[in-house]
Amino acid sequence: MHRGSFLTIFLVITGLTLLLDWYVYNGLRTLTKGWPSLRWKQVLLWGYLALSLGVTALFLVGLGSFSTAKGMTPYHEWVLSFFLTFFITKVVFSLVLVIGDIGRLLYGVGDNVINRGKKENISYFPARRKFISEIAILVAAVPFTSFLYGMFKGKYDYKLHRETLYFDDLPEAFDGFTITQVSDIHSGSFDNSAAVQRGIDMAKAQKSDLFVFTGDLVNNAAWEIEPYIEQFKQLKAPYGQLSILGNHDYGDYIQWNSPEEKAANLEKLKGQHAKLDYRLMLDENVELEKDGQKISLIGVQNWGRGFIQIGDLDKALHGVDKDAFKILLSHDPTHWEEKVRYHETKIHLTLAGHTHGAQFGVETAGLRWSPVQYRYLDWAGLAEHNGRQLYVNRGFGFLAFSGRVGIWPEITVLTLKKKKITA
């Protein structure tokens, strides 16, 4: 990060934070007005300022060290996460106060119009009412507690997603064939190997026929996966373990001393897949055979809208029978959106990841929302177009924000079924 850019970010963040702190502080003063204990009032007000400014200072220090670091470490992610938690909480608190302030301004103006000449002292801006600050506290507590839960619990709260997918032309031998998919491990963000093991054990327990990993093994550097190789190596399946690269695996988001160093890191990362006993597919294909029948598994390098685009689907399809049942591993779902679903060769099923579901959102029976939906057409779960299906995994790990809120880490189990033709 250039010195000028860092200074600009430093000043903007400091200015916004101080403005929010001033507004929240005044809201808390209203809340504590009339408290019988001056000591507790001071504890709340000065304690808030000390904690909030301390978190901001820690974040700015972390920002400075990040500018010289080889990527984002768990320390940087924790600092960022605490800062975001406080910042968003203050924004929500302030929005409630703003709504209240607009209301009291309108009340003051209306009172002045109605009682003009009847009262000697009419205020255009009556004093803020205590209940507005109480409402602000209650509303702001929702993001505050949610983010803390996401940081300390949610990011390792693995969820199993099962889907049964039906196809007219699935070979009979593969009727009931199961695939466990994991995506976006982001091993450089992990800070609890025991918690990671719980997710691995959940994936192992599915005893699927095939295991696939759909990219982003690391945040930036190949060494990040090294402490976890023996753990992820436990993921085995009778028909093998296949993997691809994601956009973070190429080392594009940190500074390297030379192009040669960056290239060496990528080669080392490819070697890490071999240590994991994963067959890394680089624009290539492999056949799986069962009871004399076959399906084709295809794996491409990363191709994503707005990201690195080196995956070559045509190269990966070379030698594949056009009538074969095909499953594609492609990290970024925009590849399916823009290329795969319109390709002249029918690819029956594409498995992707990448989006993480933004690690934040709501998924209930009646509501499914995440801010990532404004960037991606298909950001989690199943999609279908013209007889071609896509499944987007929500990710095993996390990145930048050291937590997950509402969009939990995912292990996917897909069962392939042959659609029965009825007369």
Protein backbone atom coordinates (compact mmCIF):
# COMPACT_ATOMS: atom_id res chain seq x y z
CA MET A 1 0.00 0.00 0.00
CA HIS A 2 1.42 3.38 -1.00
CA ARG A 3 2.08 5.93 1.74
CA GLY A 4 -0.33 8.44 0.17
CA SER A 5 -3.14 5.85 -0.06
CA PHE A 6 -2.56 4.77 3.52
CA LEU A 7 -2.69 8.36 4.76
CA THR A 8 -5.95 8.99 2.91
CA ILE A 9 -7.56 5.84 4.33
CA PHE A 10 -6.23 6.73 7.80
CA LEU A 11 -7.77 10.21 7.70
CA VAL A 12 -11.12 9.08 6.29
CA ILE A 13 -11.54 6.27 8.83
CA THR A 14 -10.46 8.50 11.71
CA GLY A 15 -12.82 11.29 10.68
CA LEU A 16 -15.84 9.00 10.23
CA THR A 17 -15.17 7.22 13.51
CA LEU A 18 -14.79 10.43 15.50
CA LEU A 19 -18.02 11.79 14.00
CA LEU A 20 -19.91 8.64 14.92
CA ASP A 21 -18.37 8.57 18.39
CA TRP A 22 -19.47 12.15 19.02
CA TYR A 23 -23.03 11.37 17.95
CA VAL A 24 -23.25 8.13 19.94
CA TYR A 25 -21.69 9.79 22.99
CA ASN A 26 -24.41 12.45 22.95
CA GLY A 27 -27.05 9.76 22.61
CA LEU A 28 -25.62 7.98 25.65
CA ARG A 29 -25.61 11.25 27.58
CA THR A 30 -29.35 11.50 26.96
CA LEU A 31 -29.74 7.88 28.07
CA THR A 32 -27.91 8.52 31.36
CA LYS A 33 -29.64 11.81 32.08
CA GLY A 34 -31.22 11.61 35.50
CA TRP A 35 -29.22 8.61 36.66
CA PRO A 36 -28.80 8.90 40.44
CA SER A 37 -25.23 7.59 40.34
CA LEU A 38 -22.73 9.98 38.76
CA ARG A 39 -20.07 7.28 38.99
CA TRP A 40 -21.97 4.79 36.83
CA LYS A 41 -22.80 7.51 34.36
CA GLN A 42 -19.10 8.33 34.00
CA VAL A 43 -18.20 4.65 33.75
CA LEU A 44 -20.59 4.22 30.81
CA LEU A 45 -19.66 7.39 28.95
CA TRP A 46 -15.90 7.30 29.44
CA GLY A 47 -15.83 3.51 29.13
CA TYR A 48 -17.56 3.72 25.76
CA LEU A 49 -15.12 6.34 24.47
CA ALA A 50 -12.10 4.40 25.69
CA LEU A 51 -13.30 1.12 24.18
CA SER A 52 -14.44 2.58 20.86
CA LEU A 53 -11.37 4.74 20.32
CA GLY A 54 -9.14 1.87 21.44
CA VAL A 55 -10.65 -0.49 18.85
CA THR A 56 -10.22 2.17 16.16
CA ALA A 57 -6.59 2.78 17.15
CA LEU A 58 -5.91 -0.97 17.09
CA PHE A 59 -7.44 -1.20 13.64
CA LEU A 60 -5.32 1.68 12.31
CA VAL A 61 -2.19 0.06 13.74
CA GLY A 62 -3.20 -3.22 12.10
CA LEU A 63 -3.81 -1.39 8.83
CA GLY A 64 -0.30 -0.03 8.99
CA SER A 65 1.24 -3.47 9.58
CA PHE A 66 -0.91 -5.00 6.83
CA SER A 67 0.63 -2.61 4.32
CA THR A 68 3.99 -4.32 4.88
CA ALA A 69 2.74 -7.87 5.56
CA LYS A 70 2.51 -10.82 3.16
CA GLY A 71 -1.25 -10.87 3.13
CA MET A 72 -3.95 -10.82 5.76
CA THR A 73 -3.22 -12.91 8.86
CA PRO A 74 -5.70 -14.06 11.55
CA TYR A 75 -4.48 -11.08 13.62
CA HIS A 76 -5.45 -8.64 10.88
CA GLU A 77 -8.80 -10.37 10.43
CA TRP A 78 -9.60 -10.20 14.15
CA VAL A 79 -8.69 -6.51 14.29
CA LEU A 80 -10.79 -5.78 11.21
CA SER A 81 -13.69 -7.81 12.58
CA PHE A 82 -13.79 -5.97 15.91
CA PHE A 83 -13.59 -2.65 14.10
CA LEU A 84 -16.44 -3.58 11.75
CA THR A 85 -18.53 -4.81 14.67
CA PHE A 86 -18.19 -1.51 16.52
CA PHE A 87 -18.47 0.61 13.40
CA ILE A 88 -21.69 -1.02 12.16
CA THR A 89 -23.16 -0.96 15.67
CA LYS A 90 -22.45 2.77 15.91
CA VAL A 91 -23.96 3.37 12.48
CA VAL A 92 -27.17 1.57 13.47
CA PHE A 93 -27.33 3.44 16.80
CA SER A 94 -26.80 6.74 15.01
CA LEU A 95 -29.47 6.02 12.38
CA VAL A 96 -32.07 5.55 15.10
CA LEU A 97 -30.96 8.84 16.68
CA VAL A 98 -31.13 10.59 13.30
CA ILE A 99 -34.72 9.41 12.80
CA GLY A 100 -35.54 10.70 16.28
CA ASP A 101 -33.78 14.01 15.62
CA ILE A 102 -35.70 14.50 12.38
CA GLY A 103 -38.90 13.85 14.28
CA ARG A 104 -38.15 16.36 17.01
CA LEU A 105 -37.11 18.96 14.42
CA LEU A 106 -40.41 18.53 12.58
CA TYR A 107 -42.26 18.71 15.89
CA GLY A 108 -40.43 21.93 16.79
CA VAL A 109 -41.20 23.56 13.46
CA GLY A 110 -44.85 22.51 13.64
CA ASP A 111 -45.17 23.72 17.20
CA ASN A 112 -43.72 27.08 16.19
CA VAL A 113 -46.23 27.46 13.35
CA ILE A 114 -49.20 26.49 15.48
CA ASN A 115 -48.26 28.54 18.54
CA ARG A 116 -46.64 31.54 16.90
CA GLY A 117 -47.32 34.54 19.17
CA LYS A 118 -48.81 32.37 21.90
CA LYS A 119 -45.53 31.32 23.50
CA GLU A 120 -42.50 33.43 24.32
CA ASN A 121 -39.90 30.67 24.04
CA ILE A 122 -40.46 28.13 21.29
CA SER A 123 -37.61 25.76 20.40
CA TYR A 124 -37.20 24.62 16.83
CA PHE A 125 -35.24 21.65 18.15
CA PRO A 126 -36.75 20.28 21.40
CA ALA A 127 -34.57 18.21 23.69
CA ARG A 128 -33.96 14.61 22.62
CA ARG A 129 -36.21 12.22 24.48
CA LYS A 130 -34.65 9.47 26.54
CA PHE A 131 -36.74 6.71 24.99
CA ILE A 132 -35.15 7.39 21.57
CA SER A 133 -31.74 6.54 23.01
CA GLU A 134 -33.22 3.46 24.67
CA ILE A 135 -34.62 2.30 21.33
CA ALA A 136 -31.25 2.99 19.69
CA ILE A 137 -29.51 0.80 22.27
CA LEU A 138 -31.94 -2.06 21.71
CA VAL A 139 -31.72 -1.89 17.90
CA ALA A 140 -27.92 -1.56 17.88
CA ALA A 141 -27.62 -4.58 20.16
CA VAL A 142 -28.81 -6.81 17.29
CA PRO A 143 -25.81 -6.32 14.95
CA PHE A 144 -23.41 -6.12 17.89
CA THR A 145 -24.38 -9.48 19.38
CA SER A 146 -24.80 -11.08 15.94
CA PHE A 147 -21.32 -10.11 14.82
CA LEU A 148 -19.75 -11.27 18.08
CA TYR A 149 -21.55 -14.61 17.75
CA GLY A 150 -20.35 -14.90 14.17
CA MET A 151 -16.76 -14.27 15.24
CA PHE A 152 -16.63 -16.61 18.22
CA LYS A 153 -19.03 -19.34 17.14
CA GLY A 154 -20.58 -18.90 13.70
CA LYS A 155 -17.46 -19.18 11.56
CA TYR A 156 -17.00 -22.81 12.66
CA ASP A 157 -20.69 -23.70 12.87
CA TYR A 158 -20.58 -26.13 9.95
CA LYS A 159 -23.84 -27.00 8.26
CA LEU A 160 -24.55 -30.01 6.08
CA HIS A 161 -26.50 -29.30 2.89
CA ARG A 162 -27.96 -32.30 1.10
CA GLU A 163 -29.38 -32.15 -2.41
CA THR A 164 -30.71 -34.85 -4.70
CA LEU A 165 -30.26 -33.99 -8.37
CA TYR A 166 -32.20 -35.69 -11.15
CA PHE A 167 -30.99 -36.20 -14.73
CA ASP A 168 -32.62 -37.94 -17.70
CA ASP A 169 -29.35 -39.20 -19.15
CA LEU A 170 -27.41 -40.20 -16.04
CA PRO A 171 -25.87 -43.64 -16.63
CA GLU A 172 -27.77 -46.30 -14.67
CA ALA A 173 -24.66 -47.39 -12.79
CA PHE A 174 -24.33 -43.91 -11.27
CA ASP A 175 -27.92 -43.77 -10.01
CA GLY A 176 -27.44 -42.92 -6.31
CA PHE A 177 -23.81 -41.84 -6.73
CA THR A 178 -22.82 -39.36 -3.98
CA ILE A 179 -20.41 -36.41 -4.05
CA THR A 180 -19.13 -34.46 -1.06
CA GLN A 181 -18.11 -30.93 -2.01
CA VAL A 182 -15.99 -28.54 0.04
CA SER A 183 -14.96 -25.12 -1.24
CA ASP A 184 -13.04 -22.02 -0.15
CA ILE A 185 -11.02 -23.45 2.71
CA HIS A 186 -8.94 -20.24 3.06
CA SER A 187 -6.55 -21.97 5.42
CA GLY A 188 -4.62 -18.74 6.13
CA SER A 189 -7.60 -17.48 8.14
CA PHE A 190 -7.98 -20.42 10.52
CA ASP A 191 -7.28 -19.86 14.22
CA ASN A 192 -8.72 -23.03 15.77
CA SER A 193 -7.55 -26.37 14.41
CA ALA A 194 -9.87 -28.34 16.72
CA ALA A 195 -12.88 -26.47 15.31
CA VAL A 196 -11.64 -27.12 11.75
CA GLN A 197 -11.42 -30.82 12.59
CA ARG A 198 -15.11 -30.84 13.50
CA GLY A 199 -15.92 -29.75 9.94
CA ILE A 200 -13.57 -32.35 8.48
CA ASP A 201 -15.16 -35.07 10.64
CA MET A 202 -18.59 -34.02 9.39
CA ALA A 203 -17.42 -34.34 5.79
CA LYS A 204 -15.76 -37.71 6.46
CA ALA A 205 -18.91 -39.07 8.08
CA GLN A 206 -20.84 -38.73 4.81
CA LYS A 207 -18.83 -41.57 3.24
CA SER A 208 -19.54 -40.28 -0.25
CA ASP A 209 -18.36 -41.97 -3.44
CA LEU A 210 -16.37 -38.92 -4.58
CA PHE A 211 -14.81 -35.91 -2.85
CA VAL A 212 -14.29 -32.62 -4.69
CA PHE A 213 -12.71 -29.36 -3.62
CA THR A 214 -13.63 -26.31 -5.70
CA GLY A 215 -10.85 -23.82 -5.06
CA ASP A 216 -9.27 -21.23 -2.73
CA LEU A 217 -7.15 -23.53 -0.61
CA VAL A 218 -5.26 -20.50 0.77
CA ASN A 219 -5.66 -16.74 1.07
CA ASN A 220 -2.43 -15.93 -0.74
CA ALA A 221 0.59 -18.11 0.01
CA ALA A 222 1.18 -21.85 -0.31
CA TRP A 223 2.57 -22.21 3.22
CA GLU A 224 -0.82 -21.32 4.75
CA ILE A 225 -2.18 -24.84 4.22
CA GLU A 226 0.86 -26.60 5.68
CA PRO A 227 -0.37 -26.78 9.32
CA TYR A 228 -3.62 -28.39 8.11
CA ILE A 229 -2.40 -30.87 5.49
CA GLU A 230 -2.73 -33.92 7.73
CA GLN A 231 -6.25 -32.87 8.69
CA PHE A 232 -7.61 -32.27 5.19
CA LYS A 233 -5.75 -35.33 3.96
CA GLN A 234 -8.28 -37.36 5.93
CA LEU A 235 -10.93 -36.59 3.30
CA LYS A 236 -10.95 -39.73 1.16
CA ALA A 237 -13.47 -41.29 -1.18
CA PRO A 238 -13.60 -44.57 -3.13
CA TYR A 239 -13.60 -42.77 -6.50
CA GLY A 240 -10.94 -40.30 -5.46
CA GLN A 241 -10.43 -36.69 -4.50
CA LEU A 242 -10.47 -34.05 -7.23
CA SER A 243 -9.61 -30.36 -6.86
CA ILE A 244 -9.21 -27.10 -8.75
CA LEU A 245 -7.69 -23.67 -8.12
CA GLY A 246 -9.57 -20.54 -7.06
CA ASN A 247 -8.71 -16.91 -7.59
CA HIS A 248 -6.87 -16.60 -4.25
CA ASP A 249 -4.59 -19.53 -5.04
CA TYR A 250 -2.63 -17.59 -7.66
CA GLY A 251 -1.13 -15.12 -5.17
CA ASP A 252 -2.52 -12.07 -6.95
CA TYR A 253 -3.47 -10.12 -3.82
CA ILE A 254 -0.06 -9.57 -2.21
CA GLN A 255 3.25 -8.11 -3.32
CA TRP A 256 6.00 -10.55 -4.31
CA ASN A 257 9.67 -9.74 -4.54
CA SER A 258 9.75 -10.94 -8.14
CA PRO A 259 7.60 -12.71 -10.76
CA GLU A 260 9.75 -15.77 -10.18
CA GLU A 261 8.87 -15.84 -6.48
CA LYS A 262 5.15 -15.64 -7.29
CA ALA A 263 5.46 -18.43 -9.87
CA ALA A 264 7.35 -20.58 -7.37
CA ASN A 265 4.56 -20.07 -4.83
CA LEU A 266 1.98 -21.33 -7.32
CA GLU A 267 4.07 -24.40 -8.11
CA LYS A 268 4.44 -25.08 -4.39
CA LEU A 269 0.67 -24.77 -3.96
CA LYS A 270 0.13 -27.32 -6.71
CA GLY A 271 2.43 -29.61 -4.76
CA GLN A 272 0.32 -29.09 -1.65
CA HIS A 273 -2.67 -30.54 -3.51
CA ALA A 274 -0.58 -33.63 -4.20
CA LYS A 275 0.33 -33.87 -0.48
CA LEU A 276 -3.39 -33.73 0.30
CA ASP A 277 -3.91 -36.62 -2.14
CA TYR A 278 -6.10 -34.39 -4.29
CA ARG A 279 -5.85 -34.70 -8.05
CA LEU A 280 -5.52 -31.06 -9.13
CA MET A 281 -7.28 -30.51 -12.45
CA LEU A 282 -5.82 -27.76 -14.63
CA ASP A 283 -8.09 -27.46 -17.66
CA GLU A 284 -8.37 -31.21 -18.02
CA ASN A 285 -10.76 -34.11 -17.56
CA VAL A 286 -10.91 -37.60 -16.12
CA GLU A 287 -13.36 -40.46 -16.55
CA LEU A 288 -14.97 -42.27 -13.66
CA GLU A 289 -16.08 -45.82 -14.41
CA LYS A 290 -18.64 -47.88 -12.52
CA ASP A 291 -20.02 -51.24 -13.63
CA GLY A 292 -18.78 -50.62 -17.15
CA GLN A 293 -20.40 -47.20 -17.48
CA LYS A 294 -18.65 -43.82 -17.35
CA ILE A 295 -19.11 -40.18 -16.48
CA SER A 296 -16.65 -37.36 -17.20
CA LEU A 297 -15.26 -35.05 -14.54
CA ILE A 298 -13.86 -31.77 -15.88
CA GLY A 299 -11.80 -29.22 -13.96
CA VAL A 300 -10.82 -25.72 -15.08
CA GLN A 301 -8.54 -23.06 -13.68
CA ASN A 302 -10.16 -19.91 -12.37
CA TRP A 303 -12.43 -17.93 -14.66
CA GLY A 304 -14.48 -15.21 -13.02
CA ARG A 305 -16.12 -11.94 -13.96
CA GLY A 306 -13.91 -9.24 -12.48
CA PHE A 307 -11.26 -11.78 -11.47
CA ILE A 308 -8.53 -13.80 -13.13
CA GLN A 309 -9.77 -15.45 -16.33
CA ILE A 310 -7.39 -18.18 -17.41
CA GLY A 311 -9.64 -21.22 -17.23
CA ASP A 312 -9.99 -22.83 -20.66
CA LEU A 313 -13.18 -24.86 -20.88
CA ASP A 314 -12.61 -25.96 -24.47
CA LYS A 315 -9.17 -27.31 -23.55
CA ALA A 316 -10.63 -29.06 -20.52
CA LEU A 317 -13.28 -30.73 -22.72
CA HIS A 318 -10.72 -32.07 -25.20
CA GLY A 319 -11.29 -35.78 -25.72
CA VAL A 320 -14.62 -35.87 -23.86
CA ASP A 321 -17.43 -37.62 -25.72
CA LYS A 322 -20.06 -34.98 -26.46
CA ASP A 323 -22.78 -37.41 -25.30
CA ALA A 324 -21.03 -38.23 -22.02
CA PHE A 325 -22.57 -37.21 -18.70
CA LYS A 326 -20.38 -34.32 -17.53
CA ILE A 327 -19.64 -32.69 -14.18
CA LEU A 328 -17.57 -29.51 -14.19
CA LEU A 329 -15.55 -28.08 -11.30
CA SER A 330 -15.25 -24.30 -11.77
CA HIS A 331 -14.54 -22.03 -8.82
CA ASP A 332 -16.46 -18.90 -9.78
CA PRO A 333 -20.22 -19.20 -10.55
CA THR A 334 -20.01 -16.34 -13.06
CA HIS A 335 -18.18 -18.79 -15.33
CA TRP A 336 -21.38 -20.87 -15.43
CA GLU A 337 -23.48 -17.73 -15.77
CA GLU A 338 -21.57 -16.31 -18.73
CA LYS A 339 -20.01 -19.34 -20.46
CA VAL A 340 -20.99 -22.80 -19.31
CA ARG A 341 -24.78 -22.64 -19.49
CA TYR A 342 -24.58 -21.39 -23.09
CA HIS A 343 -21.73 -23.63 -24.25
CA GLU A 344 -22.34 -25.77 -27.31
CA THR A 345 -21.36 -28.82 -25.29
CA LYS A 346 -23.90 -29.69 -22.63
CA ILE A 347 -22.40 -29.84 -19.17
CA HIS A 348 -24.97 -31.41 -16.90
CA LEU A 349 -23.71 -30.20 -13.52
CA THR A 350 -21.29 -27.47 -12.47
CA LEU A 351 -19.91 -27.24 -8.92
CA ALA A 352 -18.63 -23.83 -7.76
CA GLY A 353 -17.93 -21.76 -4.66
CA HIS A 354 -16.20 -18.37 -4.39
CA THR A 355 -19.02 -16.18 -3.06
CA HIS A 356 -19.02 -17.35 0.61
CA GLY A 357 -22.59 -16.01 0.59
CA ALA A 358 -20.77 -12.84 1.73
CA GLN A 359 -20.49 -14.63 5.14
CA PHE A 360 -23.49 -12.50 6.09
CA GLY A 361 -27.17 -12.78 5.36
CA VAL A 362 -30.46 -14.45 6.15
CA GLU A 363 -31.60 -17.88 5.02
CA THR A 364 -34.98 -18.99 6.35
CA ALA A 365 -37.98 -20.75 4.89
CA GLY A 366 -39.52 -17.45 3.87
CA LEU A 367 -36.51 -15.22 3.26
CA ARG A 368 -33.17 -15.62 1.52
CA TRP A 369 -31.00 -12.53 1.34
CA SER A 370 -27.34 -11.59 1.31
CA PRO A 371 -25.60 -8.45 0.03
CA VAL A 372 -23.64 -10.70 -2.31
CA GLN A 373 -26.80 -11.20 -4.40
CA TYR A 374 -26.28 -7.72 -5.86
CA ARG A 375 -22.99 -8.97 -7.32
CA TYR A 376 -23.79 -12.56 -8.27
CA LEU A 377 -26.82 -13.98 -10.02
CA ASP A 378 -26.30 -17.34 -8.32
CA TRP A 379 -24.55 -17.08 -4.97
CA ALA A 380 -25.55 -20.16 -2.95
CA GLY A 381 -27.31 -23.45 -3.52
CA LEU A 382 -28.92 -24.74 -6.71
CA ALA A 383 -29.59 -23.01 -10.01
CA GLU A 384 -30.84 -24.41 -13.30
CA HIS A 385 -30.90 -23.20 -16.90
CA ASN A 386 -31.96 -25.13 -19.97
CA GLY A 387 -31.41 -28.51 -18.33
CA ARG A 388 -27.99 -27.56 -16.92
CA GLN A 389 -27.57 -27.37 -13.17
CA LEU A 390 -25.22 -25.38 -10.93
CA TYR A 391 -24.50 -25.81 -7.25
CA VAL A 392 -22.71 -22.99 -5.39
CA ASN A 393 -21.14 -24.02 -2.09
CA ARG A 394 -21.17 -21.35 0.64
CA GLY A 395 -17.56 -22.08 1.62
CA PHE A 396 -15.82 -23.99 4.39
CA GLY A 397 -13.63 -21.12 5.63
CA PHE A 398 -13.78 -17.36 5.86
CA LEU A 399 -11.83 -14.36 4.67
CA ALA A 400 -11.28 -10.77 5.92
CA PHE A 401 -14.21 -10.81 8.37
CA SER A 402 -13.25 -13.47 10.91
CA GLY A 403 -16.79 -14.69 11.28
CA ARG A 404 -20.06 -15.70 9.68
CA VAL A 405 -23.51 -14.34 10.43
CA GLY A 406 -26.53 -16.13 9.01
CA ILE A 407 -24.57 -17.75 6.16
CA TRP A 408 -22.82 -20.62 7.89
CA PRO A 409 -19.84 -22.67 6.61
CA GLU A 410 -21.00 -25.49 4.37
CA ILE A 411 -20.32 -29.11 3.56
CA THR A 412 -22.34 -30.25 0.56
CA VAL A 413 -23.51 -33.78 -0.21
CA LEU A 414 -25.04 -34.27 -3.66
CA THR A 415 -26.82 -37.45 -4.71
CA LEU A 416 -27.15 -38.08 -8.44
CA LYS A 417 -30.36 -39.79 -9.47
CA LYS A 418 -31.61 -40.97 -12.83
CA LYS A 419 -34.96 -39.39 -13.59
CA LYS A 420 -37.55 -42.05 -14.20
CA ILE A 421 -39.38 -41.71 -17.49
CA THR A 422 -43.09 -42.22 -17.05
CA ALA A 423 -45.40 -43.30 -19.83
